[in-house]
Amino acid sequence: YRQPVSRAEIEKIRGVKCDKIINNLLEKGLIEEVGYKETAGRPTLYGTTQEFLVCFGLKDLSELPPLGNMLASSKDHL
């Protein structure tokens, strides 16, 4: 939903370290490095790949469900 995104931004959203998750997604070809953020340290920016779209049966990212629906659904499972 927020692309490109840095590792630190992902960790801030999730509230936990995400090194292993990012590495797994990179290995599976679901995300890729798309550039570097123009801030101190120039962190790597990640984005989804064409393989991500194929894996989830999407034509493009606009077909992702609305984020509001995702948040409501996740609260139902808590």
Protein backbone atom coordinates (compact mmCIF):
# COMPACT_ATOMS: atom_id res chain seq x y z
CA TYR A 1 0.00 0.00 0.00
CA ARG A 2 2.94 2.32 0.67
CA GLN A 3 5.59 1.95 -1.97
CA PRO A 4 8.44 2.36 -2.19
CA VAL A 5 9.10 1.67 1.49
CA SER A 6 12.22 1.28 3.60
CA ARG A 7 12.94 -1.45 6.15
CA ALA A 8 12.67 1.11 8.99
CA GLU A 9 9.25 2.25 7.72
CA ILE A 10 8.03 -1.36 7.61
CA GLU A 11 9.28 -1.94 11.15
CA LYS A 12 7.53 1.22 12.34
CA ILE A 13 4.23 0.06 10.81
CA ARG A 14 4.51 -3.51 12.11
CA GLY A 15 6.11 -2.67 15.45
CA VAL A 16 8.67 -5.48 15.17
CA LYS A 17 11.96 -6.25 13.40
CA CYS A 18 11.39 -7.53 9.89
CA ASP A 19 14.82 -8.62 8.60
CA LYS A 20 13.80 -12.27 8.10
CA ILE A 21 10.48 -11.38 6.51
CA ILE A 22 12.11 -9.01 4.02
CA ASN A 23 14.77 -11.59 3.18
CA ASN A 24 12.10 -14.27 2.62
CA LEU A 25 10.08 -11.97 0.37
CA LEU A 26 13.22 -11.08 -1.60
CA GLU A 27 14.15 -14.77 -2.00
CA LYS A 28 10.65 -15.59 -3.26
CA GLY A 29 10.78 -12.69 -5.72
CA LEU A 30 7.72 -10.99 -4.24
CA ILE A 31 9.56 -7.74 -3.49
CA GLU A 32 12.66 -6.12 -4.94
CA GLU A 33 15.00 -3.24 -4.24
CA VAL A 34 13.74 -0.25 -6.20
CA GLY A 35 16.09 2.50 -5.07
CA TYR A 36 17.45 4.42 -2.12
CA LYS A 37 15.79 7.01 0.09
CA GLU A 38 17.31 10.48 -0.08
CA THR A 39 17.95 10.66 3.68
CA ALA A 40 20.88 10.01 6.00
CA GLY A 41 22.27 6.53 5.41
CA ARG A 42 20.39 6.21 2.11
CA PRO A 43 18.27 3.21 3.16
CA THR A 44 17.14 0.74 0.52
CA LEU A 45 13.59 1.12 -0.75
CA TYR A 46 11.48 -1.92 -1.59
CA GLY A 47 8.49 -2.46 -3.83
CA THR A 48 6.39 -5.37 -5.00
CA THR A 49 7.25 -7.29 -8.15
CA GLN A 50 5.29 -8.67 -11.08
CA GLU A 51 5.61 -12.07 -9.35
CA PHE A 52 3.71 -10.60 -6.35
CA LEU A 53 0.84 -9.65 -8.66
CA VAL A 54 0.80 -13.08 -10.31
CA CYS A 55 0.95 -14.87 -6.94
CA PHE A 56 -2.08 -12.97 -5.64
CA GLY A 57 -4.00 -12.94 -8.92
CA LEU A 58 -3.85 -9.17 -9.42
CA LYS A 59 -3.54 -7.21 -12.66
CA ASP A 60 -2.05 -4.25 -10.81
CA LEU A 61 -1.82 -2.79 -7.32
CA SER A 62 -5.08 -0.88 -7.74
CA GLU A 63 -6.84 -4.25 -7.33
CA LEU A 64 -5.64 -4.60 -3.72
CA PRO A 65 -8.57 -4.50 -1.29
CA PRO A 66 -9.11 -1.15 0.46
CA LEU A 67 -6.82 -0.80 3.47
CA GLY A 68 -9.79 0.04 5.71
CA ASN A 69 -11.23 -3.43 5.03
CA MET A 70 -7.92 -5.04 5.90
CA LEU A 71 -7.69 -3.20 9.23
CA ALA A 72 -11.26 -4.06 10.20
CA SER A 73 -10.70 -7.71 9.29
CA SER A 74 -7.50 -7.94 11.35
CA LYS A 75 -9.27 -6.49 14.42
CA ASP A 76 -11.92 -9.21 14.12
CA HIS A 77 -9.19 -11.82 14.56
CA LEU A 78 -7.70 -10.31 17.72
